[in-house]
Amino acid sequence: MQIQRAAEEMKAYVSSDLQEKKKAIRDVYMKNIAEQELLGKKLREEQKIVRESHSANMEQVKMWRDVEQLMECKRQCFIKAQSQVSIGQIIQEGGEDRLVL
């Protein structure tokens, strides 16, 4: 059985017919190997770019977290100021507004 397969493979490999040549297992595997090598090369290049930009990207993430924290603090201060105004009363005396708690 294996000898028969090997004979068919050799026949397909040495054939001048392009359809027969495309059926050769060796050619299919060589094509797959070439595609995988190209993919591996592209992935290594992408990995290099990611490694080079990692520290800068992490610094930017840290800055965004700091901005979020600052905005949350401002929101809490605004909410606190709003609740103090709604609890207190504003009394107008002598043309000036005064907050009385």
PDB file of N, CA and C in Angstrom:
ATOM      1  N   MET A   1       0.829  -1.190   0.000  1.00  0.00           N
ATOM      2  CA  MET A   1       0.000   0.000   0.000  1.00  0.00           C
ATOM      3  C   MET A   1       0.875   1.257   0.000  1.00  0.00           C
ATOM      4  N   GLN A   2       1.895   1.262   0.859  1.00  0.00           N
ATOM      5  CA  GLN A   2       2.793   2.416   0.924  1.00  0.00           C
ATOM      6  C   GLN A   2       3.617   2.544  -0.347  1.00  0.00           C
ATOM      7  N   ILE A   3       4.015   1.415  -0.901  1.00  0.00           N
ATOM      8  CA  ILE A   3       4.781   1.438  -2.148  1.00  0.00           C
ATOM      9  C   ILE A   3       3.912   1.998  -3.274  1.00  0.00           C
ATOM     10  N   GLN A   4       2.642   1.620  -3.286  1.00  0.00           N
ATOM     11  CA  GLN A   4       1.725   2.121  -4.304  1.00  0.00           C
ATOM     12  C   GLN A   4       1.551   3.638  -4.169  1.00  0.00           C
ATOM     13  N   ARG A   5       1.389   4.121  -2.933  1.00  0.00           N
ATOM     14  CA  ARG A   5       1.262   5.562  -2.702  1.00  0.00           C
ATOM     15  C   ARG A   5       2.517   6.294  -3.144  1.00  0.00           C
ATOM     16  N   ALA A   6       3.685   5.719  -2.814  1.00  0.00           N
ATOM     17  CA  ALA A   6       4.946   6.346  -3.202  1.00  0.00           C
ATOM     18  C   ALA A   6       5.069   6.402  -4.724  1.00  0.00           C
ATOM     19  N   ALA A   7       4.640   5.369  -5.408  1.00  0.00           N
ATOM     20  CA  ALA A   7       4.697   5.341  -6.873  1.00  0.00           C
ATOM     21  C   ALA A   7       3.775   6.403  -7.462  1.00  0.00           C
ATOM     22  N   GLU A   8       2.575   6.544  -6.893  1.00  0.00           N
ATOM     23  CA  GLU A   8       1.636   7.561  -7.376  1.00  0.00           C
ATOM     24  C   GLU A   8       2.179   8.969  -7.121  1.00  0.00           C
ATOM     25  N   GLU A   9       2.821   9.137  -5.988  1.00  0.00           N
ATOM     26  CA  GLU A   9       3.424  10.429  -5.646  1.00  0.00           C
ATOM     27  C   GLU A   9       4.528  10.774  -6.640  1.00  0.00           C
ATOM     28  N   MET A  10       5.383   9.814  -6.942  1.00  0.00           N
ATOM     29  CA  MET A  10       6.468  10.038  -7.906  1.00  0.00           C
ATOM     30  C   MET A  10       5.894  10.359  -9.289  1.00  0.00           C
ATOM     31  N   LYS A  11       4.865   9.640  -9.682  1.00  0.00           N
ATOM     32  CA  LYS A  11       4.228   9.863 -10.977  1.00  0.00           C
ATOM     33  C   LYS A  11       3.682  11.292 -11.050  1.00  0.00           C
ATOM     34  N   ALA A  12       2.992  11.734  -9.985  1.00  0.00           N
ATOM     35  CA  ALA A  12       2.431  13.082  -9.945  1.00  0.00           C
ATOM     36  C   ALA A  12       3.541  14.129  -9.923  1.00  0.00           C
ATOM     37  N   TYR A  13       4.611  13.843  -9.211  1.00  0.00           N
ATOM     38  CA  TYR A  13       5.705  14.803  -9.057  1.00  0.00           C
ATOM     39  C   TYR A  13       6.459  15.020 -10.363  1.00  0.00           C
ATOM     40  N   VAL A  14       6.690  13.992 -11.136  1.00  0.00           N
ATOM     41  CA  VAL A  14       7.457  14.110 -12.383  1.00  0.00           C
ATOM     42  C   VAL A  14       6.555  14.402 -13.585  1.00  0.00           C
ATOM     43  N   SER A  15       5.265  14.410 -13.412  1.00  0.00           N
ATOM     44  CA  SER A  15       4.324  14.647 -14.504  1.00  0.00           C
ATOM     45  C   SER A  15       4.456  16.076 -15.021  1.00  0.00           C
ATOM     46  N   SER A  16       4.245  16.246 -16.307  1.00  0.00           N
ATOM     47  CA  SER A  16       4.279  17.590 -16.893  1.00  0.00           C
ATOM     48  C   SER A  16       2.903  18.257 -16.808  1.00  0.00           C
ATOM     49  N   ASP A  17       1.892  17.499 -16.499  1.00  0.00           N
ATOM     50  CA  ASP A  17       0.533  18.022 -16.352  1.00  0.00           C
ATOM     51  C   ASP A  17       0.434  18.811 -15.040  1.00  0.00           C
ATOM     52  N   LEU A  18       0.021  20.076 -15.128  1.00  0.00           N
ATOM     53  CA  LEU A  18      -0.058  20.928 -13.929  1.00  0.00           C
ATOM     54  C   LEU A  18      -1.095  20.429 -12.933  1.00  0.00           C
ATOM     55  N   GLN A  19      -2.192  19.870 -13.411  1.00  0.00           N
ATOM     56  CA  GLN A  19      -3.225  19.344 -12.509  1.00  0.00           C
ATOM     57  C   GLN A  19      -2.681  18.180 -11.700  1.00  0.00           C
ATOM     58  N   GLU A  20      -1.899  17.340 -12.346  1.00  0.00           N
ATOM     59  CA  GLU A  20      -1.286  16.208 -11.640  1.00  0.00           C
ATOM     60  C   GLU A  20      -0.259  16.709 -10.635  1.00  0.00           C
ATOM     61  N   LYS A  21       0.514  17.719 -11.023  1.00  0.00           N
ATOM     62  CA  LYS A  21       1.553  18.243 -10.131  1.00  0.00           C
ATOM     63  C   LYS A  21       0.947  18.849  -8.871  1.00  0.00           C
ATOM     64  N   LYS A  22      -0.198  19.498  -9.021  1.00  0.00           N
ATOM     65  CA  LYS A  22      -0.853  20.111  -7.861  1.00  0.00           C
ATOM     66  C   LYS A  22      -1.298  19.057  -6.856  1.00  0.00           C
ATOM     67  N   LYS A  23      -1.516  17.849  -7.313  1.00  0.00           N
ATOM     68  CA  LYS A  23      -1.961  16.780  -6.429  1.00  0.00           C
ATOM     69  C   LYS A  23      -0.827  16.185  -5.622  1.00  0.00           C
ATOM     70  N   ALA A  24       0.404  16.456  -6.003  1.00  0.00           N
ATOM     71  CA  ALA A  24       1.546  15.857  -5.315  1.00  0.00           C
ATOM     72  C   ALA A  24       1.578  16.317  -3.860  1.00  0.00           C
ATOM     73  N   ILE A  25       1.650  15.358  -2.969  1.00  0.00           N
ATOM     74  CA  ILE A  25       1.646  15.651  -1.532  1.00  0.00           C
ATOM     75  C   ILE A  25       2.843  16.512  -1.162  1.00  0.00           C
ATOM     76  N   ARG A  26       3.974  16.225  -1.772  1.00  0.00           N
ATOM     77  CA  ARG A  26       5.199  16.977  -1.474  1.00  0.00           C
ATOM     78  C   ARG A  26       4.987  18.462  -1.757  1.00  0.00           C
ATOM     79  N   ASP A  27       4.385  18.778  -2.907  1.00  0.00           N
ATOM     80  CA  ASP A  27       4.149  20.182  -3.254  1.00  0.00           C
ATOM     81  C   ASP A  27       3.168  20.849  -2.289  1.00  0.00           C
ATOM     82  N   VAL A  28       2.154  20.108  -1.890  1.00  0.00           N
ATOM     83  CA  VAL A  28       1.187  20.653  -0.934  1.00  0.00           C
ATOM     84  C   VAL A  28       1.877  20.973   0.390  1.00  0.00           C
ATOM     85  N   TYR A  29       2.701  20.037   0.855  1.00  0.00           N
ATOM     86  CA  TYR A  29       3.418  20.262   2.113  1.00  0.00           C
ATOM     87  C   TYR A  29       4.432  21.392   1.993  1.00  0.00           C
ATOM     88  N   MET A  30       5.130  21.482   0.866  1.00  0.00           N
ATOM     89  CA  MET A  30       6.100  22.562   0.679  1.00  0.00           C
ATOM     90  C   MET A  30       5.393  23.923   0.679  1.00  0.00           C
ATOM     91  N   LYS A  31       4.215  23.964   0.064  1.00  0.00           N
ATOM     92  CA  LYS A  31       3.445  25.203   0.055  1.00  0.00           C
ATOM     93  C   LYS A  31       3.003  25.571   1.473  1.00  0.00           C
ATOM     94  N   ASN A  32       2.531  24.586   2.220  1.00  0.00           N
ATOM     95  CA  ASN A  32       2.111  24.829   3.613  1.00  0.00           C
ATOM     96  C   ASN A  32       3.283  25.287   4.468  1.00  0.00           C
ATOM     97  N   ILE A  33       4.438  24.670   4.271  1.00  0.00           N
ATOM     98  CA  ILE A  33       5.631  25.054   5.037  1.00  0.00           C
ATOM     99  C   ILE A  33       6.011  26.496   4.728  1.00  0.00           C
ATOM    100  N   ALA A  34       6.000  26.860   3.445  1.00  0.00           N
ATOM    101  CA  ALA A  34       6.351  28.233   3.054  1.00  0.00           C
ATOM    102  C   ALA A  34       5.372  29.241   3.663  1.00  0.00           C
ATOM    103  N   GLU A  35       4.086  28.918   3.650  1.00  0.00           N
ATOM    104  CA  GLU A  35       3.080  29.812   4.236  1.00  0.00           C
ATOM    105  C   GLU A  35       3.300  29.973   5.735  1.00  0.00           C
ATOM    106  N   GLN A  36       3.590  28.881   6.415  1.00  0.00           N
ATOM    107  CA  GLN A  36       3.810  28.941   7.863  1.00  0.00           C
ATOM    108  C   GLN A  36       5.084  29.709   8.208  1.00  0.00           C
ATOM    109  N   GLU A  37       6.118  29.556   7.405  1.00  0.00           N
ATOM    110  CA  GLU A  37       7.352  30.308   7.640  1.00  0.00           C
ATOM    111  C   GLU A  37       7.110  31.803   7.459  1.00  0.00           C
ATOM    112  N   LEU A  38       6.340  32.166   6.437  1.00  0.00           N
ATOM    113  CA  LEU A  38       6.009  33.570   6.214  1.00  0.00           C
ATOM    114  C   LEU A  38       5.178  34.119   7.368  1.00  0.00           C
ATOM    115  N   LEU A  39       4.217  33.346   7.823  1.00  0.00           N
ATOM    116  CA  LEU A  39       3.394  33.755   8.957  1.00  0.00           C
ATOM    117  C   LEU A  39       4.248  33.924  10.213  1.00  0.00           C
ATOM    118  N   GLY A  40       5.164  32.978  10.442  1.00  0.00           N
ATOM    119  CA  GLY A  40       6.057  33.072  11.598  1.00  0.00           C
ATOM    120  C   GLY A  40       6.916  34.327  11.544  1.00  0.00           C
ATOM    121  N   LYS A  41       7.408  34.667  10.360  1.00  0.00           N
ATOM    122  CA  LYS A  41       8.226  35.870  10.197  1.00  0.00           C
ATOM    123  C   LYS A  41       7.414  37.120  10.524  1.00  0.00           C
ATOM    124  N   LYS A  42       6.177  37.182  10.015  1.00  0.00           N
ATOM    125  CA  LYS A  42       5.313  38.334  10.288  1.00  0.00           C
ATOM    126  C   LYS A  42       5.009  38.445  11.783  1.00  0.00           C
ATOM    127  N   LEU A  43       4.753  37.310  12.421  1.00  0.00           N
ATOM    128  CA  LEU A  43       4.445  37.330  13.857  1.00  0.00           C
ATOM    129  C   LEU A  43       5.654  37.764  14.684  1.00  0.00           C
ATOM    130  N   ARG A  44       6.859  37.338  14.277  1.00  0.00           N
ATOM    131  CA  ARG A  44       8.065  37.777  14.997  1.00  0.00           C
ATOM    132  C   ARG A  44       8.268  39.279  14.852  1.00  0.00           C
ATOM    133  N   GLU A  45       7.994  39.826  13.664  1.00  0.00           N
ATOM    134  CA  GLU A  45       8.101  41.271  13.460  1.00  0.00           C
ATOM    135  C   GLU A  45       7.080  42.018  14.317  1.00  0.00           C
ATOM    136  N   GLU A  46       5.861  41.497  14.363  1.00  0.00           N
ATOM    137  CA  GLU A  46       4.817  42.121  15.182  1.00  0.00           C
ATOM    138  C   GLU A  46       5.186  42.050  16.662  1.00  0.00           C
ATOM    139  N   GLN A  47       5.739  40.916  17.086  1.00  0.00           N
ATOM    140  CA  GLN A  47       6.154  40.760  18.477  1.00  0.00           C
ATOM    141  C   GLN A  47       7.245  41.772  18.827  1.00  0.00           C
ATOM    142  N   LYS A  48       8.157  42.010  17.914  1.00  0.00           N
ATOM    143  CA  LYS A  48       9.225  42.979  18.139  1.00  0.00           C
ATOM    144  C   LYS A  48       8.646  44.380  18.330  1.00  0.00           C
ATOM    145  N   ILE A  49       7.673  44.742  17.487  1.00  0.00           N
ATOM    146  CA  ILE A  49       7.037  46.058  17.590  1.00  0.00           C
ATOM    147  C   ILE A  49       6.315  46.197  18.928  1.00  0.00           C
ATOM    148  N   VAL A  50       5.607  45.143  19.337  1.00  0.00           N
ATOM    149  CA  VAL A  50       4.873  45.176  20.614  1.00  0.00           C
ATOM    150  C   VAL A  50       5.845  45.327  21.785  1.00  0.00           C
ATOM    151  N   ARG A  51       6.945  44.592  21.748  1.00  0.00           N
ATOM    152  CA  ARG A  51       7.929  44.690  22.839  1.00  0.00           C
ATOM    153  C   ARG A  51       8.546  46.077  22.918  1.00  0.00           C
ATOM    154  N   GLU A  52       8.805  46.678  21.752  1.00  0.00           N
ATOM    155  CA  GLU A  52       9.419  48.000  21.738  1.00  0.00           C
ATOM    156  C   GLU A  52       8.480  49.080  22.260  1.00  0.00           C
ATOM    157  N   SER A  53       7.186  48.928  22.029  1.00  0.00           N
ATOM    158  CA  SER A  53       6.242  49.964  22.437  1.00  0.00           C
ATOM    159  C   SER A  53       5.544  49.655  23.759  1.00  0.00           C
ATOM    160  N   HIS A  54       5.858  48.533  24.372  1.00  0.00           N
ATOM    161  CA  HIS A  54       5.152  48.117  25.589  1.00  0.00           C
ATOM    162  C   HIS A  54       5.288  49.133  26.727  1.00  0.00           C
ATOM    163  N   SER A  55       6.511  49.561  27.030  1.00  0.00           N
ATOM    164  CA  SER A  55       6.687  50.453  28.183  1.00  0.00           C
ATOM    165  C   SER A  55       5.994  51.797  27.955  1.00  0.00           C
ATOM    166  N   ALA A  56       6.072  52.314  26.729  1.00  0.00           N
ATOM    167  CA  ALA A  56       5.387  53.578  26.431  1.00  0.00           C
ATOM    168  C   ALA A  56       3.871  53.406  26.547  1.00  0.00           C
ATOM    169  N   ASN A  57       3.364  52.283  26.069  1.00  0.00           N
ATOM    170  CA  ASN A  57       1.923  52.034  26.164  1.00  0.00           C
ATOM    171  C   ASN A  57       1.480  51.887  27.609  1.00  0.00           C
ATOM    172  N   MET A  58       2.285  51.233  28.424  1.00  0.00           N
ATOM    173  CA  MET A  58       1.932  51.079  29.838  1.00  0.00           C
ATOM    174  C   MET A  58       1.934  52.432  30.550  1.00  0.00           C
ATOM    175  N   GLU A  59       2.844  53.304  30.178  1.00  0.00           N
ATOM    176  CA  GLU A  59       2.880  54.644  30.763  1.00  0.00           C
ATOM    177  C   GLU A  59       1.612  55.410  30.386  1.00  0.00           C
ATOM    178  N   GLN A  60       1.167  55.261  29.152  1.00  0.00           N
ATOM    179  CA  GLN A  60      -0.052  55.926  28.718  1.00  0.00           C
ATOM    180  C   GLN A  60      -1.271  55.377  29.463  1.00  0.00           C
ATOM    181  N   VAL A  61      -1.303  54.078  29.697  1.00  0.00           N
ATOM    182  CA  VAL A  61      -2.398  53.479  30.466  1.00  0.00           C
ATOM    183  C   VAL A  61      -2.420  54.056  31.877  1.00  0.00           C
ATOM    184  N   LYS A  62      -1.242  54.202  32.470  1.00  0.00           N
ATOM    185  CA  LYS A  62      -1.146  54.771  33.823  1.00  0.00           C
ATOM    186  C   LYS A  62      -1.665  56.208  33.829  1.00  0.00           C
ATOM    187  N   MET A  63      -1.307  56.978  32.817  1.00  0.00           N
ATOM    188  CA  MET A  63      -1.786  58.363  32.748  1.00  0.00           C
ATOM    189  C   MET A  63      -3.302  58.412  32.615  1.00  0.00           C
ATOM    190  N   TRP A  64      -3.894  57.506  31.813  1.00  0.00           N
ATOM    191  CA  TRP A  64      -5.351  57.475  31.673  1.00  0.00           C
ATOM    192  C   TRP A  64      -6.016  57.114  32.998  1.00  0.00           C
ATOM    193  N   ARG A  65      -5.415  56.185  33.739  1.00  0.00           N
ATOM    194  CA  ARG A  65      -5.977  55.829  35.051  1.00  0.00           C
ATOM    195  C   ARG A  65      -5.923  57.026  35.998  1.00  0.00           C
ATOM    196  N   ASP A  66      -4.821  57.789  35.933  1.00  0.00           N
ATOM    197  CA  ASP A  66      -4.708  58.979  36.762  1.00  0.00           C
ATOM    198  C   ASP A  66      -5.780  60.010  36.391  1.00  0.00           C
ATOM    199  N   VAL A  67      -6.037  60.178  35.093  1.00  0.00           N
ATOM    200  CA  VAL A  67      -7.086  61.110  34.641  1.00  0.00           C
ATOM    201  C   VAL A  67      -8.442  60.632  35.135  1.00  0.00           C
ATOM    202  N   GLU A  68      -8.708  59.330  35.030  1.00  0.00           N
ATOM    203  CA  GLU A  68      -9.979  58.793  35.530  1.00  0.00           C
ATOM    204  C   GLU A  68     -10.133  59.049  37.026  1.00  0.00           C
ATOM    205  N   GLN A  69      -9.064  58.842  37.770  1.00  0.00           N
ATOM    206  CA  GLN A  69      -9.095  59.053  39.216  1.00  0.00           C
ATOM    207  C   GLN A  69      -9.350  60.527  39.533  1.00  0.00           C
ATOM    208  N   LEU A  70      -8.701  61.415  38.788  1.00  0.00           N
ATOM    209  CA  LEU A  70      -8.901  62.853  38.984  1.00  0.00           C
ATOM    210  C   LEU A  70     -10.346  63.250  38.675  1.00  0.00           C
ATOM    211  N   MET A  71     -10.890  62.729  37.581  1.00  0.00           N
ATOM    212  CA  MET A  71     -12.264  63.054  37.218  1.00  0.00           C
ATOM    213  C   MET A  71     -13.254  62.512  38.250  1.00  0.00           C
ATOM    214  N   GLU A  72     -12.985  61.343  38.781  1.00  0.00           N
ATOM    215  CA  GLU A  72     -13.851  60.783  39.823  1.00  0.00           C
ATOM    216  C   GLU A  72     -13.799  61.649  41.079  1.00  0.00           C
ATOM    217  N   CYS A  73     -12.635  62.126  41.414  1.00  0.00           N
ATOM    218  CA  CYS A  73     -12.490  63.008  42.578  1.00  0.00           C
ATOM    219  C   CYS A  73     -13.282  64.301  42.366  1.00  0.00           C
ATOM    220  N   LYS A  74     -13.169  64.859  41.163  1.00  0.00           N
ATOM    221  CA  LYS A  74     -13.911  66.079  40.856  1.00  0.00           C
ATOM    222  C   LYS A  74     -15.421  65.826  40.923  1.00  0.00           C
ATOM    223  N   ARG A  75     -15.850  64.674  40.430  1.00  0.00           N
ATOM    224  CA  ARG A  75     -17.274  64.324  40.478  1.00  0.00           C
ATOM    225  C   ARG A  75     -17.756  64.223  41.919  1.00  0.00           C
ATOM    226  N   GLN A  76     -16.963  63.566  42.762  1.00  0.00           N
ATOM    227  CA  GLN A  76     -17.341  63.441  44.172  1.00  0.00           C
ATOM    228  C   GLN A  76     -17.401  64.813  44.847  1.00  0.00           C
ATOM    229  N   CYS A  77     -16.452  65.685  44.533  1.00  0.00           N
ATOM    230  CA  CYS A  77     -16.468  67.039  45.110  1.00  0.00           C
ATOM    231  C   CYS A  77     -17.712  67.802  44.657  1.00  0.00           C
ATOM    232  N   PHE A  78     -18.074  67.662  43.391  1.00  0.00           N
ATOM    233  CA  PHE A  78     -19.266  68.324  42.868  1.00  0.00           C
ATOM    234  C   PHE A  78     -20.523  67.812  43.563  1.00  0.00           C
ATOM    235  N   ILE A  79     -20.615  66.492  43.722  1.00  0.00           N
ATOM    236  CA  ILE A  79     -21.774  65.901  44.398  1.00  0.00           C
ATOM    237  C   ILE A  79     -21.847  66.385  45.843  1.00  0.00           C
ATOM    238  N   LYS A  80     -20.714  66.444  46.508  1.00  0.00           N
ATOM    239  CA  LYS A  80     -20.681  66.904  47.902  1.00  0.00           C
ATOM    240  C   LYS A  80     -21.115  68.363  47.985  1.00  0.00           C
ATOM    241  N   ALA A  81     -20.644  69.199  47.077  1.00  0.00           N
ATOM    242  CA  ALA A  81     -21.024  70.617  47.073  1.00  0.00           C
ATOM    243  C   ALA A  81     -22.512  70.766  46.786  1.00  0.00           C
ATOM    244  N   GLN A  82     -23.045  69.962  45.871  1.00  0.00           N
ATOM    245  CA  GLN A  82     -24.468  70.027  45.558  1.00  0.00           C
ATOM    246  C   GLN A  82     -25.316  69.626  46.758  1.00  0.00           C
ATOM    247  N   SER A  83     -24.899  68.600  47.474  1.00  0.00           N
ATOM    248  CA  SER A  83     -25.683  68.152  48.626  1.00  0.00           C
ATOM    249  C   SER A  83     -25.631  69.180  49.750  1.00  0.00           C
ATOM    250  N   GLN A  84     -24.505  69.880  49.903  1.00  0.00           N
ATOM    251  CA  GLN A  84     -24.413  70.911  50.944  1.00  0.00           C
ATOM    252  C   GLN A  84     -25.306  72.091  50.608  1.00  0.00           C
ATOM    253  N   VAL A  85     -25.393  72.445  49.346  1.00  0.00           N
ATOM    254  CA  VAL A  85     -26.249  73.555  48.940  1.00  0.00           C
ATOM    255  C   VAL A  85     -27.714  73.169  49.122  1.00  0.00           C
ATOM    256  N   SER A  86     -28.070  71.938  48.802  1.00  0.00           N
ATOM    257  CA  SER A  86     -29.469  71.544  48.933  1.00  0.00           C
ATOM    258  C   SER A  86     -29.869  71.393  50.394  1.00  0.00           C
ATOM    259  N   ILE A  87     -28.932  71.082  51.296  1.00  0.00           N
ATOM    260  CA  ILE A  87     -29.246  70.952  52.713  1.00  0.00           C
ATOM    261  C   ILE A  87     -29.385  72.328  53.356  1.00  0.00           C
ATOM    262  N   GLY A  88     -28.480  73.202  53.001  1.00  0.00           N
ATOM    263  CA  GLY A  88     -28.486  74.546  53.613  1.00  0.00           C
ATOM    264  C   GLY A  88     -29.522  75.459  52.978  1.00  0.00           C
ATOM    265  N   GLN A  89     -29.621  76.654  53.529  1.00  0.00           N
ATOM    266  CA  GLN A  89     -30.527  77.660  52.992  1.00  0.00           C
ATOM    267  C   GLN A  89     -29.684  78.860  52.609  1.00  0.00           C
ATOM    268  N   ILE A  90     -30.093  79.492  51.526  1.00  0.00           N
ATOM    269  CA  ILE A  90     -29.392  80.705  51.128  1.00  0.00           C
ATOM    270  C   ILE A  90     -30.243  81.883  51.596  1.00  0.00           C
ATOM    271  N   ILE A  91     -29.653  82.714  52.407  1.00  0.00           N
ATOM    272  CA  ILE A  91     -30.361  83.884  52.944  1.00  0.00           C
ATOM    273  C   ILE A  91     -29.666  85.131  52.400  1.00  0.00           C
ATOM    274  N   GLN A  92     -30.446  86.034  51.919  1.00  0.00           N
ATOM    275  CA  GLN A  92     -29.861  87.234  51.362  1.00  0.00           C
ATOM    276  C   GLN A  92     -29.951  88.334  52.410  1.00  0.00           C
ATOM    277  N   GLU A  93     -28.770  88.823  52.819  1.00  0.00           N
ATOM    278  CA  GLU A  93     -28.717  89.900  53.802  1.00  0.00           C
ATOM    279  C   GLU A  93     -27.815  90.993  53.276  1.00  0.00           C
ATOM    280  N   GLY A  94     -28.326  92.156  53.213  1.00  0.00           N
ATOM    281  CA  GLY A  94     -27.524  93.309  52.809  1.00  0.00           C
ATOM    282  C   GLY A  94     -26.931  93.156  51.420  1.00  0.00           C
ATOM    283  N   GLY A  95     -27.647  92.506  50.526  1.00  0.00           N
ATOM    284  CA  GLY A  95     -27.161  92.367  49.171  1.00  0.00           C
ATOM    285  C   GLY A  95     -26.156  91.226  48.992  1.00  0.00           C
ATOM    286  N   GLU A  96     -25.794  90.510  50.054  1.00  0.00           N
ATOM    287  CA  GLU A  96     -24.829  89.406  49.958  1.00  0.00           C
ATOM    288  C   GLU A  96     -25.547  88.093  50.187  1.00  0.00           C
ATOM    289  N   ASP A  97     -25.138  87.078  49.450  1.00  0.00           N
ATOM    290  CA  ASP A  97     -25.668  85.738  49.672  1.00  0.00           C
ATOM    291  C   ASP A  97     -24.816  85.058  50.729  1.00  0.00           C
ATOM    292  N   ARG A  98     -25.487  84.387  51.655  1.00  0.00           N
ATOM    293  CA  ARG A  98     -24.781  83.677  52.702  1.00  0.00           C
ATOM    294  C   ARG A  98     -25.356  82.288  52.825  1.00  0.00           C
ATOM    295  N   LEU A  99     -24.509  81.298  53.007  1.00  0.00           N
ATOM    296  CA  LEU A  99     -24.960  79.937  53.169  1.00  0.00           C
ATOM    297  C   LEU A  99     -25.055  79.648  54.658  1.00  0.00           C
ATOM    298  N   VAL A 100     -26.250  79.230  55.114  1.00  0.00           N
ATOM    299  CA  VAL A 100     -26.450  78.911  56.515  1.00  0.00           C
ATOM    300  C   VAL A 100     -26.792  77.426  56.580  1.00  0.00           C
ATOM    301  N   LEU A 101     -26.028  76.692  57.352  1.00  0.00           N
ATOM    302  CA  LEU A 101     -26.275  75.260  57.518  1.00  0.00           C
ATOM    303  C   LEU A 101     -27.063  74.987  58.757  1.00  0.00           C
TER     304      LEU A 101
END
